[in-house]
Amino acid sequence: MADKFDIKELERRMRGSIEQLKKEFSGLRTGRASSHLLDPLMVSVYGAKMPIGQVATVSTPDARTISVQVWDRTQVQAVEKAIRESNLGLNPMTEGATIRLPIPPLTADRRNELAKVAHKYTEHCRVNVRNVRRDGMDLLKKSEKEGMSEDDSRKNGVKVQELTDKLIKEIDQLLVAKEAEIKQV
């Protein structure tokens, strides 16, 4: 980070943490099919590990099914193996170059487990946002020693705190929405 205080840079870093939280949330399996569920999946093909999106088209024909259309028929088994070995609890059914993944309904225990994981992701995001806040406050103290007026330092400190509070509230709203999605039967 530059030595000059820049609230836009702090906000960009905080929002980066929130974007990461959204990605982590999209990987949590709820009872509904989502093509994003397979995004983190890596497939061993052509002697390398590749994201599933680079070897197949992932779609959701209905609310309870994910369809994976593998582009190269010789790689269907590799994609199927990657899906089986992932800890998503999915049972692939292959029909030619298409792999269908029926999404089983979640048990109450699994829903509670997923809610705990969502809480863990959220807390990690909150900590990241607070760390960025701390960096900003440290930079303000340093800037004050280097000539920034005390009034400007206080005003900017208040802005940093308001930004932090606003984004923590946004993070909490994301958690509430994800919990509602997980608990929905």
Protein backbone atom coordinates (compact mmCIF):
# COMPACT_ATOMS: atom_id res chain seq x y z
CA MET A 1 0.00 0.00 0.00
CA ALA A 2 1.25 3.50 -0.76
CA ASP A 3 2.38 5.72 2.10
CA LYS A 4 -0.39 8.22 1.31
CA PHE A 5 -3.80 7.61 2.90
CA ASP A 6 -6.44 6.63 0.32
CA ILE A 7 -9.89 5.56 1.52
CA LYS A 8 -10.79 4.27 -1.97
CA GLU A 9 -7.88 1.80 -1.77
CA LEU A 10 -9.07 0.63 1.66
CA GLU A 11 -12.60 0.17 0.31
CA ARG A 12 -11.26 -1.77 -2.70
CA ARG A 13 -9.37 -4.13 -0.39
CA MET A 14 -12.40 -4.59 1.90
CA ARG A 15 -14.70 -5.25 -1.06
CA GLY A 16 -12.19 -7.84 -2.32
CA SER A 17 -12.78 -9.79 0.91
CA ILE A 18 -16.54 -9.59 0.37
CA GLU A 19 -16.18 -10.86 -3.22
CA GLN A 20 -14.15 -13.80 -1.89
CA LEU A 21 -16.93 -14.52 0.63
CA LYS A 22 -19.49 -14.55 -2.20
CA LYS A 23 -17.34 -17.06 -4.11
CA GLU A 24 -17.05 -19.27 -1.03
CA PHE A 25 -20.81 -19.06 -0.48
CA SER A 26 -21.50 -20.08 -4.08
CA GLY A 27 -19.52 -23.27 -3.44
CA LEU A 28 -21.73 -24.27 -0.49
CA ARG A 29 -24.26 -26.82 -1.65
CA THR A 30 -27.81 -25.97 -0.78
CA GLY A 31 -30.74 -28.16 -1.78
CA ARG A 32 -30.92 -26.35 -5.12
CA ALA A 33 -28.83 -27.00 -8.23
CA SER A 34 -26.28 -24.31 -9.13
CA SER A 35 -23.71 -24.41 -11.90
CA HIS A 36 -21.34 -22.54 -9.55
CA LEU A 37 -21.26 -25.59 -7.29
CA LEU A 38 -18.69 -27.22 -9.59
CA ASP A 39 -16.56 -24.07 -10.16
CA PRO A 40 -13.79 -25.03 -7.71
CA LEU A 41 -13.55 -28.55 -9.20
CA MET A 42 -10.23 -29.40 -10.89
CA VAL A 43 -10.12 -32.21 -13.49
CA SER A 44 -6.97 -34.18 -14.41
CA VAL A 45 -6.89 -34.09 -18.23
CA TYR A 46 -4.10 -34.01 -20.79
CA GLY A 47 -1.51 -34.45 -18.04
CA ALA A 48 -2.59 -31.33 -16.12
CA LYS A 49 -5.24 -30.20 -13.66
CA MET A 50 -7.79 -27.86 -15.24
CA PRO A 51 -10.95 -26.19 -13.92
CA ILE A 52 -14.08 -28.06 -15.00
CA GLY A 53 -15.21 -24.96 -16.91
CA GLN A 54 -12.30 -25.45 -19.34
CA VAL A 55 -13.27 -29.01 -20.32
CA ALA A 56 -17.07 -28.94 -20.14
CA THR A 57 -20.20 -26.81 -20.12
CA VAL A 58 -22.00 -26.84 -16.77
CA SER A 59 -25.71 -25.99 -16.73
CA THR A 60 -28.82 -26.49 -14.59
CA PRO A 61 -31.75 -27.85 -16.62
CA ASP A 62 -33.97 -27.80 -13.51
CA ALA A 63 -33.81 -26.98 -9.78
CA ARG A 64 -32.62 -30.46 -8.78
CA THR A 65 -30.19 -31.38 -11.60
CA ILE A 66 -26.80 -30.20 -12.83
CA SER A 67 -25.82 -31.18 -16.36
CA VAL A 68 -22.16 -31.39 -17.42
CA GLN A 69 -21.58 -31.56 -21.19
CA VAL A 70 -17.97 -32.72 -21.69
CA TRP A 71 -16.47 -31.37 -24.93
CA ASP A 72 -13.99 -34.22 -25.49
CA ARG A 73 -15.66 -37.64 -25.14
CA THR A 74 -12.32 -39.20 -24.12
CA GLN A 75 -12.33 -37.04 -20.96
CA VAL A 76 -15.78 -38.01 -19.66
CA GLN A 77 -14.32 -40.53 -17.19
CA ALA A 78 -11.81 -37.98 -15.85
CA VAL A 79 -14.60 -35.45 -15.23
CA GLU A 80 -16.79 -38.12 -13.62
CA LYS A 81 -13.87 -39.18 -11.39
CA ALA A 82 -13.24 -35.57 -10.28
CA ILE A 83 -16.93 -35.19 -9.36
CA ARG A 84 -16.97 -38.47 -7.42
CA GLU A 85 -13.76 -37.59 -5.54
CA SER A 86 -14.97 -34.11 -4.60
CA ASN A 87 -16.65 -34.00 -1.20
CA LEU A 88 -19.86 -32.58 -2.65
CA GLY A 89 -21.82 -35.79 -2.09
CA LEU A 90 -22.97 -36.00 -5.71
CA ASN A 91 -23.52 -39.24 -7.65
CA PRO A 92 -22.81 -38.70 -11.37
CA MET A 93 -24.84 -40.57 -14.01
CA THR A 94 -23.16 -40.67 -17.44
CA GLU A 95 -25.05 -40.73 -20.74
CA GLY A 96 -22.56 -40.43 -23.61
CA ALA A 97 -20.69 -37.12 -23.26
CA THR A 98 -23.25 -35.77 -20.78
CA ILE A 99 -23.00 -36.28 -17.04
CA ARG A 100 -26.16 -35.68 -15.00
CA LEU A 101 -25.90 -34.85 -11.32
CA PRO A 102 -29.15 -35.18 -9.38
CA ILE A 103 -29.00 -32.97 -6.29
CA PRO A 104 -30.31 -34.92 -3.29
CA PRO A 105 -32.25 -32.98 -0.66
CA LEU A 106 -30.16 -32.00 2.36
CA THR A 107 -30.62 -33.66 5.74
CA ALA A 108 -31.14 -31.49 8.83
CA ASP A 109 -27.64 -32.39 10.09
CA ARG A 110 -26.06 -31.42 6.77
CA ARG A 111 -27.97 -28.11 6.79
CA ASN A 112 -26.62 -27.31 10.27
CA GLU A 113 -23.12 -28.29 9.16
CA LEU A 114 -23.37 -25.99 6.12
CA ALA A 115 -24.64 -23.14 8.31
CA LYS A 116 -21.57 -23.55 10.55
CA VAL A 117 -19.29 -23.46 7.49
CA ALA A 118 -21.07 -20.29 6.30
CA HIS A 119 -20.48 -18.72 9.73
CA LYS A 120 -16.79 -19.66 9.54
CA TYR A 121 -16.44 -18.07 6.08
CA THR A 122 -18.25 -14.96 7.31
CA GLU A 123 -16.06 -14.58 10.38
CA HIS A 124 -12.94 -14.92 8.24
CA CYS A 125 -14.26 -12.16 5.97
CA ARG A 126 -15.02 -9.90 8.96
CA VAL A 127 -11.47 -10.40 10.25
CA ASN A 128 -10.05 -9.47 6.84
CA VAL A 129 -12.15 -6.29 6.71
CA ARG A 130 -11.06 -5.35 10.25
CA ASN A 131 -7.42 -5.97 9.32
CA VAL A 132 -7.76 -3.56 6.40
CA ARG A 133 -9.35 -1.06 8.81
CA ARG A 134 -6.39 -1.45 11.17
CA ASP A 135 -3.97 -0.90 8.26
CA GLY A 136 -5.85 2.28 7.37
CA MET A 137 -5.78 3.57 10.94
CA ASP A 138 -2.03 2.81 11.19
CA LEU A 139 -1.48 4.69 7.94
CA LEU A 140 -3.44 7.65 9.33
CA LYS A 141 -1.23 7.73 12.43
CA LYS A 142 1.85 7.61 10.22
CA SER A 143 0.46 10.38 7.98
CA GLU A 144 -0.29 12.50 11.04
CA LYS A 145 3.34 12.19 12.15
CA GLU A 146 4.41 13.17 8.62
CA GLY A 147 2.37 16.35 8.57
CA MET A 148 -1.37 15.57 8.20
CA SER A 149 -3.40 17.76 10.53
CA GLU A 150 -4.99 16.15 13.57
CA ASP A 151 -8.46 17.23 12.37
CA ASP A 152 -7.96 15.60 8.95
CA SER A 153 -6.67 12.47 10.64
CA ARG A 154 -9.75 12.29 12.89
CA LYS A 155 -12.15 12.94 9.98
CA ASN A 156 -10.51 10.22 7.92
CA GLY A 157 -10.53 7.89 10.93
CA VAL A 158 -14.29 8.40 11.25
CA LYS A 159 -14.71 7.71 7.50
CA VAL A 160 -12.71 4.48 7.81
CA GLN A 161 -14.84 3.37 10.77
CA GLU A 162 -18.09 4.22 8.95
CA LEU A 163 -16.91 2.27 5.89
CA THR A 164 -15.96 -0.69 8.08
CA ASP A 165 -19.34 -0.66 9.85
CA LYS A 166 -21.20 -0.44 6.53
CA LEU A 167 -19.29 -3.38 5.03
CA ILE A 168 -19.58 -5.53 8.17
CA LYS A 169 -23.35 -4.95 7.98
CA GLU A 170 -23.28 -6.02 4.30
CA ILE A 171 -21.35 -9.18 5.27
CA ASP A 172 -23.95 -9.97 7.95
CA GLN A 173 -26.75 -9.54 5.40
CA LEU A 174 -24.99 -11.98 3.05
CA LEU A 175 -24.82 -14.50 5.90
CA VAL A 176 -28.52 -14.11 6.74
CA ALA A 177 -29.45 -14.64 3.08
CA LYS A 178 -27.18 -17.71 2.77
CA GLU A 179 -28.54 -19.21 6.00
CA ALA A 180 -32.10 -18.75 4.73
CA GLU A 181 -31.12 -20.48 1.48
CA ILE A 182 -29.48 -23.36 3.39
CA LYS A 183 -32.41 -23.80 5.80
CA GLN A 184 -35.01 -23.73 3.00
CA VAL A 185 -36.47 -27.21 2.47
